[in-house]
Amino acid sequence: MTPIEKVRAEIARYDHALLDFSAREQKGAIELVIQLKSRELHTYFAPIHPRDIEHPQFPWTFQRYLYDCMHDYLVEMFVHTPQSLDPRP
């Protein structure tokens, strides 16, 4: 099984009500792709290191990585936070 096939097989184990997951090869590397099902906002790309894919614990490390990426993606969607430099209207 190729690395991209291994990542796609792992992704197939997940189904989310709000998000779609996929993988792509980009410039010789594999990236996890996360986007809203509605496709209204940007797409999140996260590289996956080849050594992580080959590791025997890949399903577990992938789950942690996926959850971390989902968190980052959702946080990026904030329009305003208390730390924003621009004052709120």
PDB file of N, CA and C in Angstrom:
ATOM      1  N   MET A   1       0.860  -1.178   0.000  1.00  0.00           N
ATOM      2  CA  MET A   1       0.000   0.000   0.000  1.00  0.00           C
ATOM      3  C   MET A   1       0.902   1.236   0.000  1.00  0.00           C
ATOM      4  N   THR A   2       0.617   2.169  -0.884  1.00  0.00           N
ATOM      5  CA  THR A   2       1.405   3.395  -0.950  1.00  0.00           C
ATOM      6  C   THR A   2       1.051   4.299   0.226  1.00  0.00           C
ATOM      7  N   PRO A   3       1.909   5.272   0.546  1.00  0.00           N
ATOM      8  CA  PRO A   3       1.596   6.185   1.645  1.00  0.00           C
ATOM      9  C   PRO A   3       0.275   6.938   1.453  1.00  0.00           C
ATOM     10  N   ILE A   4      -0.015   7.419   0.253  1.00  0.00           N
ATOM     11  CA  ILE A   4      -1.273   8.145   0.027  1.00  0.00           C
ATOM     12  C   ILE A   4      -2.471   7.212   0.215  1.00  0.00           C
ATOM     13  N   GLU A   5      -2.343   5.966  -0.205  1.00  0.00           N
ATOM     14  CA  GLU A   5      -3.419   4.992  -0.014  1.00  0.00           C
ATOM     15  C   GLU A   5      -3.629   4.704   1.476  1.00  0.00           C
ATOM     16  N   LYS A   6      -2.529   4.623   2.213  1.00  0.00           N
ATOM     17  CA  LYS A   6      -2.619   4.377   3.648  1.00  0.00           C
ATOM     18  C   LYS A   6      -3.332   5.529   4.354  1.00  0.00           C
ATOM     19  N   VAL A   7      -2.988   6.764   3.990  1.00  0.00           N
ATOM     20  CA  VAL A   7      -3.639   7.935   4.593  1.00  0.00           C
ATOM     21  C   VAL A   7      -5.115   7.970   4.208  1.00  0.00           C
ATOM     22  N   ARG A   8      -5.426   7.740   2.958  1.00  0.00           N
ATOM     23  CA  ARG A   8      -6.831   7.752   2.518  1.00  0.00           C
ATOM     24  C   ARG A   8      -7.647   6.651   3.191  1.00  0.00           C
ATOM     25  N   ALA A   9      -7.036   5.493   3.406  1.00  0.00           N
ATOM     26  CA  ALA A   9      -7.742   4.412   4.108  1.00  0.00           C
ATOM     27  C   ALA A   9      -8.050   4.816   5.544  1.00  0.00           C
ATOM     28  N   GLU A  10      -7.126   5.505   6.169  1.00  0.00           N
ATOM     29  CA  GLU A  10      -7.360   5.960   7.550  1.00  0.00           C
ATOM     30  C   GLU A  10      -8.436   7.042   7.582  1.00  0.00           C
ATOM     31  N   ILE A  11      -8.387   7.952   6.630  1.00  0.00           N
ATOM     32  CA  ILE A  11      -9.391   9.020   6.554  1.00  0.00           C
ATOM     33  C   ILE A  11     -10.786   8.429   6.369  1.00  0.00           C
ATOM     34  N   ALA A  12     -10.886   7.356   5.621  1.00  0.00           N
ATOM     35  CA  ALA A  12     -12.190   6.734   5.345  1.00  0.00           C
ATOM     36  C   ALA A  12     -12.875   6.238   6.619  1.00  0.00           C
ATOM     37  N   ARG A  13     -12.127   6.091   7.692  1.00  0.00           N
ATOM     38  CA  ARG A  13     -12.694   5.636   8.952  1.00  0.00           C
ATOM     39  C   ARG A  13     -13.425   6.749   9.708  1.00  0.00           C
ATOM     40  N   TYR A  14     -13.337   7.986   9.211  1.00  0.00           N
ATOM     41  CA  TYR A  14     -13.915   9.144   9.885  1.00  0.00           C
ATOM     42  C   TYR A  14     -15.043   9.754   9.051  1.00  0.00           C
ATOM     43  N   ASP A  15     -16.113  10.122   9.726  1.00  0.00           N
ATOM     44  CA  ASP A  15     -17.237  10.816   9.093  1.00  0.00           C
ATOM     45  C   ASP A  15     -17.670  11.908  10.064  1.00  0.00           C
ATOM     46  N   HIS A  16     -17.763  13.127   9.589  1.00  0.00           N
ATOM     47  CA  HIS A  16     -18.068  14.274  10.436  1.00  0.00           C
ATOM     48  C   HIS A  16     -19.264  15.013   9.846  1.00  0.00           C
ATOM     49  N   ALA A  17     -20.111  15.546  10.696  1.00  0.00           N
ATOM     50  CA  ALA A  17     -21.318  16.238  10.238  1.00  0.00           C
ATOM     51  C   ALA A  17     -21.008  17.570   9.547  1.00  0.00           C
ATOM     52  N   LEU A  18     -19.927  18.219   9.942  1.00  0.00           N
ATOM     53  CA  LEU A  18     -19.615  19.548   9.433  1.00  0.00           C
ATOM     54  C   LEU A  18     -18.456  19.580   8.439  1.00  0.00           C
ATOM     55  N   LEU A  19     -17.506  18.655   8.584  1.00  0.00           N
ATOM     56  CA  LEU A  19     -16.268  18.718   7.822  1.00  0.00           C
ATOM     57  C   LEU A  19     -16.085  17.522   6.897  1.00  0.00           C
ATOM     58  N   ASP A  20     -15.381  17.752   5.790  1.00  0.00           N
ATOM     59  CA  ASP A  20     -14.935  16.694   4.881  1.00  0.00           C
ATOM     60  C   ASP A  20     -13.432  16.566   5.007  1.00  0.00           C
ATOM     61  N   PHE A  21     -12.935  15.333   4.923  1.00  0.00           N
ATOM     62  CA  PHE A  21     -11.511  15.058   5.006  1.00  0.00           C
ATOM     63  C   PHE A  21     -11.070  14.337   3.742  1.00  0.00           C
ATOM     64  N   SER A  22      -9.888  14.689   3.272  1.00  0.00           N
ATOM     65  CA  SER A  22      -9.295  13.995   2.138  1.00  0.00           C
ATOM     66  C   SER A  22      -7.776  14.118   2.259  1.00  0.00           C
ATOM     67  N   ALA A  23      -7.069  13.565   1.295  1.00  0.00           N
ATOM     68  CA  ALA A  23      -5.614  13.677   1.251  1.00  0.00           C
ATOM     69  C   ALA A  23      -5.194  13.906  -0.181  1.00  0.00           C
ATOM     70  N   ARG A  24      -4.085  14.589  -0.333  1.00  0.00           N
ATOM     71  CA  ARG A  24      -3.557  14.832  -1.677  1.00  0.00           C
ATOM     72  C   ARG A  24      -2.035  14.779  -1.631  1.00  0.00           C
ATOM     73  N   GLU A  25      -1.460  14.510  -2.790  1.00  0.00           N
ATOM     74  CA  GLU A  25      -0.010  14.586  -2.932  1.00  0.00           C
ATOM     75  C   GLU A  25       0.296  15.945  -3.524  1.00  0.00           C
ATOM     76  N   GLN A  26       1.204  16.649  -2.870  1.00  0.00           N
ATOM     77  CA  GLN A  26       1.559  17.996  -3.299  1.00  0.00           C
ATOM     78  C   GLN A  26       3.074  18.138  -3.226  1.00  0.00           C
ATOM     79  N   LYS A  27       3.710  18.313  -4.365  1.00  0.00           N
ATOM     80  CA  LYS A  27       5.163  18.489  -4.428  1.00  0.00           C
ATOM     81  C   LYS A  27       5.899  17.355  -3.716  1.00  0.00           C
ATOM     82  N   GLY A  28       5.466  16.138  -3.941  1.00  0.00           N
ATOM     83  CA  GLY A  28       6.115  14.971  -3.376  1.00  0.00           C
ATOM     84  C   GLY A  28       5.765  14.675  -1.931  1.00  0.00           C
ATOM     85  N   ALA A  29       4.922  15.491  -1.325  1.00  0.00           N
ATOM     86  CA  ALA A  29       4.513  15.276   0.065  1.00  0.00           C
ATOM     87  C   ALA A  29       3.021  14.967   0.109  1.00  0.00           C
ATOM     88  N   ILE A  30       2.597  14.400   1.214  1.00  0.00           N
ATOM     89  CA  ILE A  30       1.173  14.111   1.406  1.00  0.00           C
ATOM     90  C   ILE A  30       0.599  15.137   2.367  1.00  0.00           C
ATOM     91  N   GLU A  31      -0.558  15.652   2.023  1.00  0.00           N
ATOM     92  CA  GLU A  31      -1.234  16.634   2.867  1.00  0.00           C
ATOM     93  C   GLU A  31      -2.620  16.138   3.247  1.00  0.00           C
ATOM     94  N   LEU A  32      -2.971  16.353   4.489  1.00  0.00           N
ATOM     95  CA  LEU A  32      -4.331  16.165   4.966  1.00  0.00           C
ATOM     96  C   LEU A  32      -5.104  17.404   4.552  1.00  0.00           C
ATOM     97  N   VAL A  33      -6.303  17.220   4.012  1.00  0.00           N
ATOM     98  CA  VAL A  33      -7.132  18.335   3.556  1.00  0.00           C
ATOM     99  C   VAL A  33      -8.429  18.317   4.362  1.00  0.00           C
ATOM    100  N   ILE A  34      -8.741  19.469   4.980  1.00  0.00           N
ATOM    101  CA  ILE A  34      -9.967  19.601   5.759  1.00  0.00           C
ATOM    102  C   ILE A  34     -10.730  20.796   5.212  1.00  0.00           C
ATOM    103  N   GLN A  35     -12.027  20.599   4.951  1.00  0.00           N
ATOM    104  CA  GLN A  35     -12.854  21.709   4.498  1.00  0.00           C
ATOM    105  C   GLN A  35     -14.286  21.499   4.960  1.00  0.00           C
ATOM    106  N   LEU A  36     -14.994  22.612   5.036  1.00  0.00           N
ATOM    107  CA  LEU A  36     -16.409  22.537   5.386  1.00  0.00           C
ATOM    108  C   LEU A  36     -17.171  21.825   4.286  1.00  0.00           C
ATOM    109  N   LYS A  37     -18.183  21.058   4.663  1.00  0.00           N
ATOM    110  CA  LYS A  37     -19.015  20.398   3.654  1.00  0.00           C
ATOM    111  C   LYS A  37     -19.669  21.419   2.729  1.00  0.00           C
ATOM    112  N   SER A  38     -19.996  22.590   3.264  1.00  0.00           N
ATOM    113  CA  SER A  38     -20.642  23.633   2.455  1.00  0.00           C
ATOM    114  C   SER A  38     -19.654  24.351   1.544  1.00  0.00           C
ATOM    115  N   ARG A  39     -18.359  24.158   1.764  1.00  0.00           N
ATOM    116  CA  ARG A  39     -17.291  24.758   0.948  1.00  0.00           C
ATOM    117  C   ARG A  39     -17.335  26.288   0.952  1.00  0.00           C
ATOM    118  N   GLU A  40     -17.890  26.888   2.000  1.00  0.00           N
ATOM    119  CA  GLU A  40     -18.040  28.345   2.045  1.00  0.00           C
ATOM    120  C   GLU A  40     -16.772  29.080   2.475  1.00  0.00           C
ATOM    121  N   LEU A  41     -15.895  28.427   3.215  1.00  0.00           N
ATOM    122  CA  LEU A  41     -14.681  29.072   3.695  1.00  0.00           C
ATOM    123  C   LEU A  41     -13.451  28.373   3.139  1.00  0.00           C
ATOM    124  N   HIS A  42     -12.313  28.842   3.563  1.00  0.00           N
ATOM    125  CA  HIS A  42     -11.052  28.311   3.043  1.00  0.00           C
ATOM    126  C   HIS A  42     -10.858  26.835   3.393  1.00  0.00           C
ATOM    127  N   THR A  43      -9.937  26.238   2.692  1.00  0.00           N
ATOM    128  CA  THR A  43      -9.575  24.846   2.906  1.00  0.00           C
ATOM    129  C   THR A  43      -8.291  24.808   3.721  1.00  0.00           C
ATOM    130  N   TYR A  44      -8.216  23.871   4.649  1.00  0.00           N
ATOM    131  CA  TYR A  44      -7.059  23.727   5.531  1.00  0.00           C
ATOM    132  C   TYR A  44      -6.185  22.590   5.018  1.00  0.00           C
ATOM    133  N   PHE A  45      -4.897  22.846   4.858  1.00  0.00           N
ATOM    134  CA  PHE A  45      -3.945  21.841   4.389  1.00  0.00           C
ATOM    135  C   PHE A  45      -2.904  21.613   5.478  1.00  0.00           C
ATOM    136  N   ALA A  46      -2.638  20.348   5.797  1.00  0.00           N
ATOM    137  CA  ALA A  46      -1.662  20.008   6.832  1.00  0.00           C
ATOM    138  C   ALA A  46      -0.773  18.882   6.330  1.00  0.00           C
ATOM    139  N   PRO A  47       0.538  19.101   6.291  1.00  0.00           N
ATOM    140  CA  PRO A  47       1.447  18.062   5.800  1.00  0.00           C
ATOM    141  C   PRO A  47       1.521  16.882   6.765  1.00  0.00           C
ATOM    142  N   ILE A  48       1.705  15.700   6.205  1.00  0.00           N
ATOM    143  CA  ILE A  48       1.894  14.493   6.999  1.00  0.00           C
ATOM    144  C   ILE A  48       3.277  13.951   6.670  1.00  0.00           C
ATOM    145  N   HIS A  49       4.107  13.812   7.663  1.00  0.00           N
ATOM    146  CA  HIS A  49       5.485  13.367   7.450  1.00  0.00           C
ATOM    147  C   HIS A  49       5.507  11.875   7.106  1.00  0.00           C
ATOM    148  N   PRO A  50       6.315  11.490   6.120  1.00  0.00           N
ATOM    149  CA  PRO A  50       6.388  10.067   5.726  1.00  0.00           C
ATOM    150  C   PRO A  50       6.700   9.120   6.888  1.00  0.00           C
ATOM    151  N   ARG A  51       7.557   9.532   7.823  1.00  0.00           N
ATOM    152  CA  ARG A  51       7.892   8.636   8.942  1.00  0.00           C
ATOM    153  C   ARG A  51       6.676   8.375   9.822  1.00  0.00           C
ATOM    154  N   ASP A  52       5.743   9.350   9.887  1.00  0.00           N
ATOM    155  CA  ASP A  52       4.523   9.154  10.672  1.00  0.00           C
ATOM    156  C   ASP A  52       3.602   8.135   9.995  1.00  0.00           C
ATOM    157  N   ILE A  53       3.549   8.178   8.684  1.00  0.00           N
ATOM    158  CA  ILE A  53       2.703   7.243   7.940  1.00  0.00           C
ATOM    159  C   ILE A  53       3.222   5.814   8.096  1.00  0.00           C
ATOM    160  N   GLU A  54       4.532   5.653   8.113  1.00  0.00           N
ATOM    161  CA  GLU A  54       5.152   4.331   8.210  1.00  0.00           C
ATOM    162  C   GLU A  54       5.185   3.782   9.638  1.00  0.00           C
ATOM    163  N   HIS A  55       4.949   4.624  10.611  1.00  0.00           N
ATOM    164  CA  HIS A  55       5.031   4.189  12.012  1.00  0.00           C
ATOM    165  C   HIS A  55       3.918   3.182  12.329  1.00  0.00           C
ATOM    166  N   PRO A  56       4.202   2.139  13.116  1.00  0.00           N
ATOM    167  CA  PRO A  56       3.183   1.133  13.458  1.00  0.00           C
ATOM    168  C   PRO A  56       1.963   1.714  14.188  1.00  0.00           C
ATOM    169  N   GLN A  57       2.147   2.836  14.858  1.00  0.00           N
ATOM    170  CA  GLN A  57       1.046   3.463  15.590  1.00  0.00           C
ATOM    171  C   GLN A  57       0.334   4.542  14.762  1.00  0.00           C
ATOM    172  N   PHE A  58       0.487   4.489  13.436  1.00  0.00           N
ATOM    173  CA  PHE A  58      -0.096   5.518  12.578  1.00  0.00           C
ATOM    174  C   PHE A  58      -1.576   5.786  12.842  1.00  0.00           C
ATOM    175  N   PRO A  59      -2.438   4.795  12.997  1.00  0.00           N
ATOM    176  CA  PRO A  59      -3.854   5.120  13.247  1.00  0.00           C
ATOM    177  C   PRO A  59      -4.063   6.014  14.472  1.00  0.00           C
ATOM    178  N   TRP A  60      -3.283   5.792  15.506  1.00  0.00           N
ATOM    179  CA  TRP A  60      -3.433   6.607  16.730  1.00  0.00           C
ATOM    180  C   TRP A  60      -2.827   7.989  16.571  1.00  0.00           C
ATOM    181  N   THR A  61      -1.642   8.038  15.977  1.00  0.00           N
ATOM    182  CA  THR A  61      -1.026   9.354  15.791  1.00  0.00           C
ATOM    183  C   THR A  61      -1.804  10.173  14.771  1.00  0.00           C
ATOM    184  N   PHE A  62      -2.381   9.493  13.769  1.00  0.00           N
ATOM    185  CA  PHE A  62      -3.197  10.210  12.788  1.00  0.00           C
ATOM    186  C   PHE A  62      -4.427  10.819  13.463  1.00  0.00           C
ATOM    187  N   GLN A  63      -5.070  10.061  14.353  1.00  0.00           N
ATOM    188  CA  GLN A  63      -6.257  10.594  15.026  1.00  0.00           C
ATOM    189  C   GLN A  63      -5.912  11.851  15.820  1.00  0.00           C
ATOM    190  N   ARG A  64      -4.820  11.807  16.556  1.00  0.00           N
ATOM    191  CA  ARG A  64      -4.415  12.992  17.324  1.00  0.00           C
ATOM    192  C   ARG A  64      -4.129  14.163  16.382  1.00  0.00           C
ATOM    193  N   TYR A  65      -3.417  13.897  15.300  1.00  0.00           N
ATOM    194  CA  TYR A  65      -3.092  14.938  14.331  1.00  0.00           C
ATOM    195  C   TYR A  65      -4.357  15.507  13.692  1.00  0.00           C
ATOM    196  N   LEU A  66      -5.276  14.639  13.320  1.00  0.00           N
ATOM    197  CA  LEU A  66      -6.543  15.077  12.733  1.00  0.00           C
ATOM    198  C   LEU A  66      -7.296  15.989  13.694  1.00  0.00           C
ATOM    199  N   TYR A  67      -7.402  15.593  14.950  1.00  0.00           N
ATOM    200  CA  TYR A  67      -8.112  16.407  15.940  1.00  0.00           C
ATOM    201  C   TYR A  67      -7.405  17.739  16.175  1.00  0.00           C
ATOM    202  N   ASP A  68      -6.089  17.721  16.220  1.00  0.00           N
ATOM    203  CA  ASP A  68      -5.344  18.970  16.367  1.00  0.00           C
ATOM    204  C   ASP A  68      -5.580  19.893  15.168  1.00  0.00           C
ATOM    205  N   CYS A  69      -5.585  19.323  13.976  1.00  0.00           N
ATOM    206  CA  CYS A  69      -5.821  20.118  12.764  1.00  0.00           C
ATOM    207  C   CYS A  69      -7.242  20.666  12.724  1.00  0.00           C
ATOM    208  N   MET A  70      -8.211  19.854  13.150  1.00  0.00           N
ATOM    209  CA  MET A  70      -9.597  20.332  13.198  1.00  0.00           C
ATOM    210  C   MET A  70      -9.702  21.524  14.146  1.00  0.00           C
ATOM    211  N   HIS A  71      -9.053  21.431  15.286  1.00  0.00           N
ATOM    212  CA  HIS A  71      -9.062  22.533  16.250  1.00  0.00           C
ATOM    213  C   HIS A  71      -8.467  23.785  15.614  1.00  0.00           C
ATOM    214  N   ASP A  72      -7.299  23.649  14.996  1.00  0.00           N
ATOM    215  CA  ASP A  72      -6.650  24.796  14.361  1.00  0.00           C
ATOM    216  C   ASP A  72      -7.531  25.403  13.273  1.00  0.00           C
ATOM    217  N   TYR A  73      -8.132  24.553  12.471  1.00  0.00           N
ATOM    218  CA  TYR A  73      -8.996  25.013  11.377  1.00  0.00           C
ATOM    219  C   TYR A  73     -10.186  25.810  11.922  1.00  0.00           C
ATOM    220  N   LEU A  74     -10.837  25.291  12.943  1.00  0.00           N
ATOM    221  CA  LEU A  74     -11.988  25.983  13.509  1.00  0.00           C
ATOM    222  C   LEU A  74     -11.583  27.280  14.193  1.00  0.00           C
ATOM    223  N   VAL A  75     -10.436  27.306  14.836  1.00  0.00           N
ATOM    224  CA  VAL A  75      -9.966  28.544  15.468  1.00  0.00           C
ATOM    225  C   VAL A  75      -9.665  29.596  14.401  1.00  0.00           C
ATOM    226  N   GLU A  76      -9.139  29.177  13.271  1.00  0.00           N
ATOM    227  CA  GLU A  76      -8.851  30.125  12.181  1.00  0.00           C
ATOM    228  C   GLU A  76     -10.112  30.811  11.668  1.00  0.00           C
ATOM    229  N   MET A  77     -11.279  30.258  11.944  1.00  0.00           N
ATOM    230  CA  MET A  77     -12.528  30.828  11.446  1.00  0.00           C
ATOM    231  C   MET A  77     -13.045  31.986  12.297  1.00  0.00           C
ATOM    232  N   PHE A  78     -12.419  32.260  13.441  1.00  0.00           N
ATOM    233  CA  PHE A  78     -12.851  33.407  14.228  1.00  0.00           C
ATOM    234  C   PHE A  78     -12.735  34.668  13.397  1.00  0.00           C
ATOM    235  N   VAL A  79     -13.762  35.489  13.443  1.00  0.00           N
ATOM    236  CA  VAL A  79     -13.750  36.776  12.760  1.00  0.00           C
ATOM    237  C   VAL A  79     -13.171  37.838  13.693  1.00  0.00           C
ATOM    238  N   HIS A  80     -13.426  37.675  14.981  1.00  0.00           N
ATOM    239  CA  HIS A  80     -12.934  38.622  15.973  1.00  0.00           C
ATOM    240  C   HIS A  80     -12.731  37.898  17.289  1.00  0.00           C
ATOM    241  N   THR A  81     -11.674  38.265  18.006  1.00  0.00           N
ATOM    242  CA  THR A  81     -11.422  37.741  19.347  1.00  0.00           C
ATOM    243  C   THR A  81     -11.008  38.899  20.248  1.00  0.00           C
ATOM    244  N   PRO A  82     -10.968  38.704  21.556  1.00  0.00           N
ATOM    245  CA  PRO A  82     -10.511  39.789  22.442  1.00  0.00           C
ATOM    246  C   PRO A  82      -9.073  40.231  22.129  1.00  0.00           C
ATOM    247  N   GLN A  83      -8.291  39.367  21.501  1.00  0.00           N
ATOM    248  CA  GLN A  83      -6.912  39.715  21.175  1.00  0.00           C
ATOM    249  C   GLN A  83      -6.770  40.415  19.818  1.00  0.00           C
ATOM    250  N   SER A  84      -7.861  40.586  19.103  1.00  0.00           N
ATOM    251  CA  SER A  84      -7.803  41.245  17.799  1.00  0.00           C
ATOM    252  C   SER A  84      -7.300  42.671  17.943  1.00  0.00           C
ATOM    253  N   LEU A  85      -6.463  43.086  17.014  1.00  0.00           N
ATOM    254  CA  LEU A  85      -5.905  44.434  17.077  1.00  0.00           C
ATOM    255  C   LEU A  85      -6.910  45.505  16.648  1.00  0.00           C
ATOM    256  N   ASP A  86      -7.797  45.157  15.743  1.00  0.00           N
ATOM    257  CA  ASP A  86      -8.792  46.134  15.281  1.00  0.00           C
ATOM    258  C   ASP A  86      -9.967  46.175  16.260  1.00  0.00           C
ATOM    259  N   PRO A  87     -10.395  47.356  16.640  1.00  0.00           N
ATOM    260  CA  PRO A  87     -11.542  47.453  17.563  1.00  0.00           C
ATOM    261  C   PRO A  87     -12.827  47.017  16.872  1.00  0.00           C
ATOM    262  N   ARG A  88     -13.679  46.454  17.646  1.00  0.00           N
ATOM    263  CA  ARG A  88     -14.969  45.994  17.115  1.00  0.00           C
ATOM    264  C   ARG A  88     -15.891  47.194  16.910  1.00  0.00           C
ATOM    265  N   PRO A  89     -16.635  47.201  15.811  1.00  0.00           N
ATOM    266  CA  PRO A  89     -17.546  48.342  15.569  1.00  0.00           C
ATOM    267  C   PRO A  89     -18.672  48.432  16.598  1.00  0.00           C
TER     268      PRO A  89
END
